[in-house]
């Protein structure tokens, strides 16, 4: 067994599928700003980005003030529908129980608001499994800047060599690389296995059920 003491997760497409809620909220915000709806496929590819980055990607507009307005409209709708529009993967609880039985600390590092993540986890009785949650409101610089991941590591008291980050996107892979920690790619998002190959990976797993096996390598 290796020397990991903590496992940190991205949230969207790693622990849960929030695409239904995100699609509704993004299209709500776009229409409020006079844009047509974007396709579900286009929106889902932006789920790893910040809201400002998603706005620029979908609208082509680089205005910071408009990106902030978009963020406000998104939040306005998300406060109503996002919790109900998010489904935690059915593999999550059993994997978390296994990790806790191995005396590992667990955490979440996401661009999503922490309070929204907490609401979803409370709904499903999973909040108890996490020692730390770092959301978008907790950092000055979003992923792939390592600030959030480094902050989570500090909170649980682990060193870089003792931490593992699990995520579904190349943004997550770059975050781990920038933080100097090991990375496991999970293929439950929109990023294919080939896109991860240019990064230094511990493993690529189909879904979270394969994560405990990584600790036995």
C-alpha atoms as a PDB file:
ATOM      1  CA  UNK A   1       0.000   0.000   0.000  1.00  0.00           C
ATOM      2  CA  UNK A   2       1.245   3.527  -0.793  1.00  0.00           C
ATOM      3  CA  UNK A   3       1.705   6.429   1.618  1.00  0.00           C
ATOM      4  CA  UNK A   4      -1.322   8.564   0.757  1.00  0.00           C
ATOM      5  CA  UNK A   5      -3.041  10.169   3.727  1.00  0.00           C
ATOM      6  CA  UNK A   6      -5.716  12.199   1.911  1.00  0.00           C
ATOM      7  CA  UNK A   7      -7.845  12.009  -1.227  1.00  0.00           C
ATOM      8  CA  UNK A   8      -9.386  15.147  -2.713  1.00  0.00           C
ATOM      9  CA  UNK A   9     -12.111  15.160  -5.334  1.00  0.00           C
ATOM     10  CA  UNK A  10     -13.448  17.527  -7.924  1.00  0.00           C
ATOM     11  CA  UNK A  11     -17.254  17.652  -7.652  1.00  0.00           C
ATOM     12  CA  UNK A  12     -19.061  18.022 -10.992  1.00  0.00           C
ATOM     13  CA  UNK A  13     -18.753  14.904 -13.173  1.00  0.00           C
ATOM     14  CA  UNK A  14     -16.454  13.337 -10.554  1.00  0.00           C
ATOM     15  CA  UNK A  15     -18.801  12.848  -7.607  1.00  0.00           C
ATOM     16  CA  UNK A  16     -22.053  13.939  -9.227  1.00  0.00           C
ATOM     17  CA  UNK A  17     -23.825  14.701 -12.490  1.00  0.00           C
ATOM     18  CA  UNK A  18     -25.141  18.258 -12.300  1.00  0.00           C
ATOM     19  CA  UNK A  19     -25.597  18.650 -16.043  1.00  0.00           C
ATOM     20  CA  UNK A  20     -29.396  18.929 -15.907  1.00  0.00           C
ATOM     21  CA  UNK A  21     -29.213  21.855 -13.478  1.00  0.00           C
ATOM     22  CA  UNK A  22     -26.265  23.501 -15.223  1.00  0.00           C
ATOM     23  CA  UNK A  23     -27.952  23.372 -18.638  1.00  0.00           C
ATOM     24  CA  UNK A  24     -31.083  25.000 -17.249  1.00  0.00           C
ATOM     25  CA  UNK A  25     -29.174  27.702 -15.359  1.00  0.00           C
ATOM     26  CA  UNK A  26     -26.827  28.580 -18.202  1.00  0.00           C
ATOM     27  CA  UNK A  27     -29.627  28.864 -20.730  1.00  0.00           C
ATOM     28  CA  UNK A  28     -31.666  30.908 -18.258  1.00  0.00           C
ATOM     29  CA  UNK A  29     -28.740  33.335 -17.867  1.00  0.00           C
ATOM     30  CA  UNK A  30     -28.015  33.483 -21.603  1.00  0.00           C
ATOM     31  CA  UNK A  31     -31.638  34.247 -22.459  1.00  0.00           C
ATOM     32  CA  UNK A  32     -31.837  36.929 -19.775  1.00  0.00           C
ATOM     33  CA  UNK A  33     -28.920  38.568 -21.574  1.00  0.00           C
ATOM     34  CA  UNK A  34     -30.527  38.297 -25.011  1.00  0.00           C
ATOM     35  CA  UNK A  35     -28.646  35.265 -26.311  1.00  0.00           C
ATOM     36  CA  UNK A  36     -30.250  32.124 -27.778  1.00  0.00           C
ATOM     37  CA  UNK A  37     -30.039  28.875 -25.848  1.00  0.00           C
ATOM     38  CA  UNK A  38     -26.861  26.840 -26.219  1.00  0.00           C
ATOM     39  CA  UNK A  39     -26.931  23.123 -26.953  1.00  0.00           C
ATOM     40  CA  UNK A  40     -26.664  20.693 -24.040  1.00  0.00           C
ATOM     41  CA  UNK A  41     -23.457  19.303 -25.570  1.00  0.00           C
ATOM     42  CA  UNK A  42     -21.811  22.740 -25.728  1.00  0.00           C
ATOM     43  CA  UNK A  43     -22.829  23.541 -22.161  1.00  0.00           C
ATOM     44  CA  UNK A  44     -21.648  20.225 -20.725  1.00  0.00           C
ATOM     45  CA  UNK A  45     -18.165  20.823 -22.139  1.00  0.00           C
ATOM     46  CA  UNK A  46     -17.938  24.002 -20.020  1.00  0.00           C
ATOM     47  CA  UNK A  47     -18.796  22.354 -16.692  1.00  0.00           C
ATOM     48  CA  UNK A  48     -15.098  22.184 -15.707  1.00  0.00           C
ATOM     49  CA  UNK A  49     -14.754  25.966 -16.204  1.00  0.00           C
ATOM     50  CA  UNK A  50     -15.624  28.919 -14.001  1.00  0.00           C
ATOM     51  CA  UNK A  51     -18.912  30.655 -14.821  1.00  0.00           C
ATOM     52  CA  UNK A  52     -17.056  33.606 -16.338  1.00  0.00           C
ATOM     53  CA  UNK A  53     -15.065  31.256 -18.566  1.00  0.00           C
ATOM     54  CA  UNK A  54     -18.230  29.384 -19.536  1.00  0.00           C
ATOM     55  CA  UNK A  55     -19.915  32.651 -20.483  1.00  0.00           C
ATOM     56  CA  UNK A  56     -17.001  33.693 -22.690  1.00  0.00           C
ATOM     57  CA  UNK A  57     -16.873  30.257 -24.304  1.00  0.00           C
ATOM     58  CA  UNK A  58     -20.590  30.149 -25.101  1.00  0.00           C
ATOM     59  CA  UNK A  59     -21.186  33.800 -26.005  1.00  0.00           C
ATOM     60  CA  UNK A  60     -17.883  34.888 -27.511  1.00  0.00           C
ATOM     61  CA  UNK A  61     -18.110  38.049 -25.383  1.00  0.00           C
ATOM     62  CA  UNK A  62     -14.963  38.934 -23.409  1.00  0.00           C
ATOM     63  CA  UNK A  63     -16.551  41.681 -21.282  1.00  0.00           C
ATOM     64  CA  UNK A  64     -15.840  41.210 -17.567  1.00  0.00           C
ATOM     65  CA  UNK A  65     -18.951  43.141 -16.572  1.00  0.00           C
ATOM     66  CA  UNK A  66     -21.181  40.968 -18.746  1.00  0.00           C
ATOM     67  CA  UNK A  67     -19.528  37.842 -17.388  1.00  0.00           C
ATOM     68  CA  UNK A  68     -20.361  39.039 -13.882  1.00  0.00           C
ATOM     69  CA  UNK A  69     -23.976  39.693 -14.895  1.00  0.00           C
ATOM     70  CA  UNK A  70     -24.147  36.205 -16.373  1.00  0.00           C
ATOM     71  CA  UNK A  71     -22.814  34.786 -13.104  1.00  0.00           C
ATOM     72  CA  UNK A  72     -25.500  36.629 -11.147  1.00  0.00           C
ATOM     73  CA  UNK A  73     -28.288  35.341 -13.407  1.00  0.00           C
ATOM     74  CA  UNK A  74     -26.898  31.813 -13.189  1.00  0.00           C
ATOM     75  CA  UNK A  75     -26.834  31.957  -9.386  1.00  0.00           C
ATOM     76  CA  UNK A  76     -30.366  33.375  -9.319  1.00  0.00           C
ATOM     77  CA  UNK A  77     -31.694  30.279 -11.083  1.00  0.00           C
ATOM     78  CA  UNK A  78     -29.258  27.815  -9.495  1.00  0.00           C
ATOM     79  CA  UNK A  79     -30.420  28.702  -5.991  1.00  0.00           C
ATOM     80  CA  UNK A  80     -33.809  27.333  -7.052  1.00  0.00           C
ATOM     81  CA  UNK A  81     -33.040  24.307  -9.244  1.00  0.00           C
ATOM     82  CA  UNK A  82     -29.444  23.139  -8.868  1.00  0.00           C
ATOM     83  CA  UNK A  83     -29.824  20.868  -5.866  1.00  0.00           C
ATOM     84  CA  UNK A  84     -32.744  18.986  -7.419  1.00  0.00           C
ATOM     85  CA  UNK A  85     -30.945  18.960 -10.776  1.00  0.00           C
ATOM     86  CA  UNK A  86     -27.857  17.178  -9.412  1.00  0.00           C
ATOM     87  CA  UNK A  87     -27.499  13.423  -9.015  1.00  0.00           C
ATOM     88  CA  UNK A  88     -24.663  12.025  -6.899  1.00  0.00           C
ATOM     89  CA  UNK A  89     -23.205   8.916  -8.551  1.00  0.00           C
ATOM     90  CA  UNK A  90     -24.300   5.682  -6.920  1.00  0.00           C
ATOM     91  CA  UNK A  91     -20.666   4.587  -6.503  1.00  0.00           C
ATOM     92  CA  UNK A  92     -19.786   7.496  -4.214  1.00  0.00           C
ATOM     93  CA  UNK A  93     -20.960   6.354  -0.786  1.00  0.00           C
ATOM     94  CA  UNK A  94     -19.415   2.887  -0.955  1.00  0.00           C
ATOM     95  CA  UNK A  95     -16.096   4.322  -2.139  1.00  0.00           C
ATOM     96  CA  UNK A  96     -16.072   6.940   0.625  1.00  0.00           C
ATOM     97  CA  UNK A  97     -16.796   4.278   3.230  1.00  0.00           C
ATOM     98  CA  UNK A  98     -13.894   2.227   1.890  1.00  0.00           C
ATOM     99  CA  UNK A  99     -11.519   5.191   1.988  1.00  0.00           C
ATOM    100  CA  UNK A 100     -12.552   6.033   5.537  1.00  0.00           C
ATOM    101  CA  UNK A 101     -11.974   2.406   6.568  1.00  0.00           C
ATOM    102  CA  UNK A 102      -8.398   2.941   5.324  1.00  0.00           C
ATOM    103  CA  UNK A 103      -8.078   5.982   7.669  1.00  0.00           C
ATOM    104  CA  UNK A 104      -7.801   8.432   4.770  1.00  0.00           C
ATOM    105  CA  UNK A 105      -8.844  12.059   4.958  1.00  0.00           C
ATOM    106  CA  UNK A 106     -11.217  13.123   2.186  1.00  0.00           C
ATOM    107  CA  UNK A 107     -12.102  16.477   0.691  1.00  0.00           C
ATOM    108  CA  UNK A 108     -13.585  18.333  -2.262  1.00  0.00           C
ATOM    109  CA  UNK A 109     -11.952  21.086  -4.315  1.00  0.00           C
ATOM    110  CA  UNK A 110     -14.347  22.636  -6.817  1.00  0.00           C
ATOM    111  CA  UNK A 111     -15.215  25.842  -8.653  1.00  0.00           C
ATOM    112  CA  UNK A 112     -18.814  25.230  -7.527  1.00  0.00           C
ATOM    113  CA  UNK A 113     -20.050  27.204  -4.519  1.00  0.00           C
ATOM    114  CA  UNK A 114     -19.273  25.363  -1.296  1.00  0.00           C
ATOM    115  CA  UNK A 115     -22.731  25.980   0.169  1.00  0.00           C
ATOM    116  CA  UNK A 116     -24.325  24.370  -2.877  1.00  0.00           C
ATOM    117  CA  UNK A 117     -22.099  21.310  -2.616  1.00  0.00           C
ATOM    118  CA  UNK A 118     -22.935  21.049   1.075  1.00  0.00           C
ATOM    119  CA  UNK A 119     -26.678  21.251   0.344  1.00  0.00           C
ATOM    120  CA  UNK A 120     -26.437  18.393  -2.162  1.00  0.00           C
ATOM    121  CA  UNK A 121     -24.367  16.230   0.165  1.00  0.00           C
ATOM    122  CA  UNK A 122     -26.680  16.913   3.108  1.00  0.00           C
ATOM    123  CA  UNK A 123     -29.648  15.901   0.989  1.00  0.00           C
ATOM    124  CA  UNK A 124     -28.047  12.523   0.316  1.00  0.00           C
ATOM    125  CA  UNK A 125     -26.552  12.007   3.785  1.00  0.00           C
ATOM    126  CA  UNK A 126     -22.962  12.216   2.524  1.00  0.00           C
ATOM    127  CA  UNK A 127     -21.609  15.386   4.120  1.00  0.00           C
ATOM    128  CA  UNK A 128     -20.251  13.405   7.077  1.00  0.00           C
ATOM    129  CA  UNK A 129     -17.688  11.684   4.853  1.00  0.00           C
ATOM    130  CA  UNK A 130     -15.744  14.846   3.996  1.00  0.00           C
ATOM    131  CA  UNK A 131     -13.146  16.497   6.196  1.00  0.00           C
ATOM    132  CA  UNK A 132     -12.872  19.657   4.076  1.00  0.00           C
ATOM    133  CA  UNK A 133     -14.717  21.311   1.186  1.00  0.00           C
ATOM    134  CA  UNK A 134     -13.141  24.163  -0.763  1.00  0.00           C
ATOM    135  CA  UNK A 135     -15.576  25.910  -3.098  1.00  0.00           C
ATOM    136  CA  UNK A 136     -15.307  28.705  -5.595  1.00  0.00           C
ATOM    137  CA  UNK A 137     -15.995  31.346  -2.941  1.00  0.00           C
ATOM    138  CA  UNK A 138     -13.058  30.129  -0.839  1.00  0.00           C
ATOM    139  CA  UNK A 139     -10.251  31.021  -3.250  1.00  0.00           C
ATOM    140  CA  UNK A 140      -8.941  34.072  -5.069  1.00  0.00           C
ATOM    141  CA  UNK A 141      -7.789  32.022  -8.074  1.00  0.00           C
ATOM    142  CA  UNK A 142      -9.847  29.101  -9.475  1.00  0.00           C
ATOM    143  CA  UNK A 143      -8.494  25.827 -10.850  1.00  0.00           C
ATOM    144  CA  UNK A 144      -6.104  25.091 -12.493  1.00  0.00           C
ATOM    145  CA  UNK A 145      -4.440  27.428 -10.000  1.00  0.00           C
ATOM    146  CA  UNK A 146      -3.453  25.138  -7.102  1.00  0.00           C
ATOM    147  CA  UNK A 147      -4.697  27.507  -4.374  1.00  0.00           C
ATOM    148  CA  UNK A 148      -7.797  25.493  -3.501  1.00  0.00           C
ATOM    149  CA  UNK A 149      -6.041  22.135  -3.473  1.00  0.00           C
ATOM    150  CA  UNK A 150      -3.155  23.460  -1.395  1.00  0.00           C
ATOM    151  CA  UNK A 151      -5.636  25.011   1.036  1.00  0.00           C
ATOM    152  CA  UNK A 152      -7.473  21.693   1.399  1.00  0.00           C
ATOM    153  CA  UNK A 153      -4.180  19.898   2.054  1.00  0.00           C
ATOM    154  CA  UNK A 154      -3.279  22.416   4.726  1.00  0.00           C
ATOM    155  CA  UNK A 155      -6.668  21.985   6.411  1.00  0.00           C
ATOM    156  CA  UNK A 156      -6.209  18.224   6.826  1.00  0.00           C
ATOM    157  CA  UNK A 157      -2.473  18.425   7.532  1.00  0.00           C
ATOM    158  CA  UNK A 158      -0.987  16.435   4.672  1.00  0.00           C
ATOM    159  CA  UNK A 159       2.075  16.979   2.494  1.00  0.00           C
ATOM    160  CA  UNK A 160       2.117  16.972  -1.316  1.00  0.00           C
ATOM    161  CA  UNK A 161       3.502  13.445  -1.495  1.00  0.00           C
ATOM    162  CA  UNK A 162       0.686  12.268   0.794  1.00  0.00           C
ATOM    163  CA  UNK A 163      -2.167  13.675  -1.327  1.00  0.00           C
ATOM    164  CA  UNK A 164      -4.112  12.338  -4.293  1.00  0.00           C
ATOM    165  CA  UNK A 165      -6.454  14.418  -6.452  1.00  0.00           C
ATOM    166  CA  UNK A 166      -9.272  12.807  -8.445  1.00  0.00           C
ATOM    167  CA  UNK A 167     -10.988  14.619 -11.291  1.00  0.00           C
ATOM    168  CA  UNK A 168     -12.691  14.268 -14.660  1.00  0.00           C
ATOM    169  CA  UNK A 169     -11.135  17.071 -16.717  1.00  0.00           C
ATOM    170  CA  UNK A 170      -7.793  18.322 -17.973  1.00  0.00           C
ATOM    171  CA  UNK A 171      -8.370  21.361 -15.743  1.00  0.00           C
ATOM    172  CA  UNK A 172      -8.233  18.964 -12.794  1.00  0.00           C
ATOM    173  CA  UNK A 173      -5.109  17.278 -14.185  1.00  0.00           C
ATOM    174  CA  UNK A 174      -3.405  20.663 -14.514  1.00  0.00           C
ATOM    175  CA  UNK A 175      -4.495  21.592 -10.983  1.00  0.00           C
ATOM    176  CA  UNK A 176      -2.833  18.482  -9.572  1.00  0.00           C
ATOM    177  CA  UNK A 177       0.274  19.143 -11.670  1.00  0.00           C
ATOM    178  CA  UNK A 178       0.466  22.752 -10.468  1.00  0.00           C
ATOM    179  CA  UNK A 179       0.057  21.637  -6.857  1.00  0.00           C
ATOM    180  CA  UNK A 180       2.672  18.906  -7.192  1.00  0.00           C
ATOM    181  CA  UNK A 181       0.334  16.073  -6.207  1.00  0.00           C
ATOM    182  CA  UNK A 182      -0.593  12.753  -7.818  1.00  0.00           C
ATOM    183  CA  UNK A 183      -3.671  12.602 -10.048  1.00  0.00           C
ATOM    184  CA  UNK A 184      -6.263   9.993 -10.957  1.00  0.00           C
ATOM    185  CA  UNK A 185      -8.476  10.666 -13.970  1.00  0.00           C
ATOM    186  CA  UNK A 186     -12.051   9.413 -13.890  1.00  0.00           C
ATOM    187  CA  UNK A 187     -13.972   9.024 -17.167  1.00  0.00           C
ATOM    188  CA  UNK A 188     -17.429  10.070 -15.959  1.00  0.00           C
ATOM    189  CA  UNK A 189     -17.213  13.527 -17.548  1.00  0.00           C
ATOM    190  CA  UNK A 190     -16.817  14.775 -21.104  1.00  0.00           C
ATOM    191  CA  UNK A 191     -13.037  14.251 -21.307  1.00  0.00           C
ATOM    192  CA  UNK A 192     -11.783  11.141 -23.053  1.00  0.00           C
ATOM    193  CA  UNK A 193      -8.881   8.987 -21.885  1.00  0.00           C
ATOM    194  CA  UNK A 194      -6.601  10.143 -24.711  1.00  0.00           C
ATOM    195  CA  UNK A 195      -6.879  13.756 -23.559  1.00  0.00           C
ATOM    196  CA  UNK A 196      -5.318  12.823 -20.220  1.00  0.00           C
ATOM    197  CA  UNK A 197      -2.299  11.045 -21.658  1.00  0.00           C
ATOM    198  CA  UNK A 198      -0.074  14.131 -21.828  1.00  0.00           C
ATOM    199  CA  UNK A 199      -0.323  14.476 -18.050  1.00  0.00           C
ATOM    200  CA  UNK A 200       1.477  12.523 -15.352  1.00  0.00           C
ATOM    201  CA  UNK A 201      -1.202  10.124 -14.147  1.00  0.00           C
ATOM    202  CA  UNK A 202      -1.344   7.527 -11.417  1.00  0.00           C
ATOM    203  CA  UNK A 203      -4.290   5.873 -13.089  1.00  0.00           C
ATOM    204  CA  UNK A 204      -7.308   6.318 -15.346  1.00  0.00           C
ATOM    205  CA  UNK A 205     -10.497   4.746 -14.009  1.00  0.00           C
ATOM    206  CA  UNK A 206     -13.884   4.286 -15.653  1.00  0.00           C
ATOM    207  CA  UNK A 207     -15.757   5.447 -12.551  1.00  0.00           C
ATOM    208  CA  UNK A 208     -15.085   5.912  -8.843  1.00  0.00           C
ATOM    209  CA  UNK A 209     -15.615   2.237  -8.066  1.00  0.00           C
ATOM    210  CA  UNK A 210     -12.076   1.687  -9.377  1.00  0.00           C
ATOM    211  CA  UNK A 211     -10.482   4.166  -6.971  1.00  0.00           C
ATOM    212  CA  UNK A 212      -9.812   1.859  -3.980  1.00  0.00           C
ATOM    213  CA  UNK A 213      -7.746  -0.384  -6.276  1.00  0.00           C
ATOM    214  CA  UNK A 214      -5.363   2.517  -6.895  1.00  0.00           C
ATOM    215  CA  UNK A 215      -4.271   2.277  -3.249  1.00  0.00           C
ATOM    216  CA  UNK A 216      -3.245  -1.315  -3.710  1.00  0.00           C
ATOM    217  CA  UNK A 217      -0.934  -0.665  -6.685  1.00  0.00           C
END
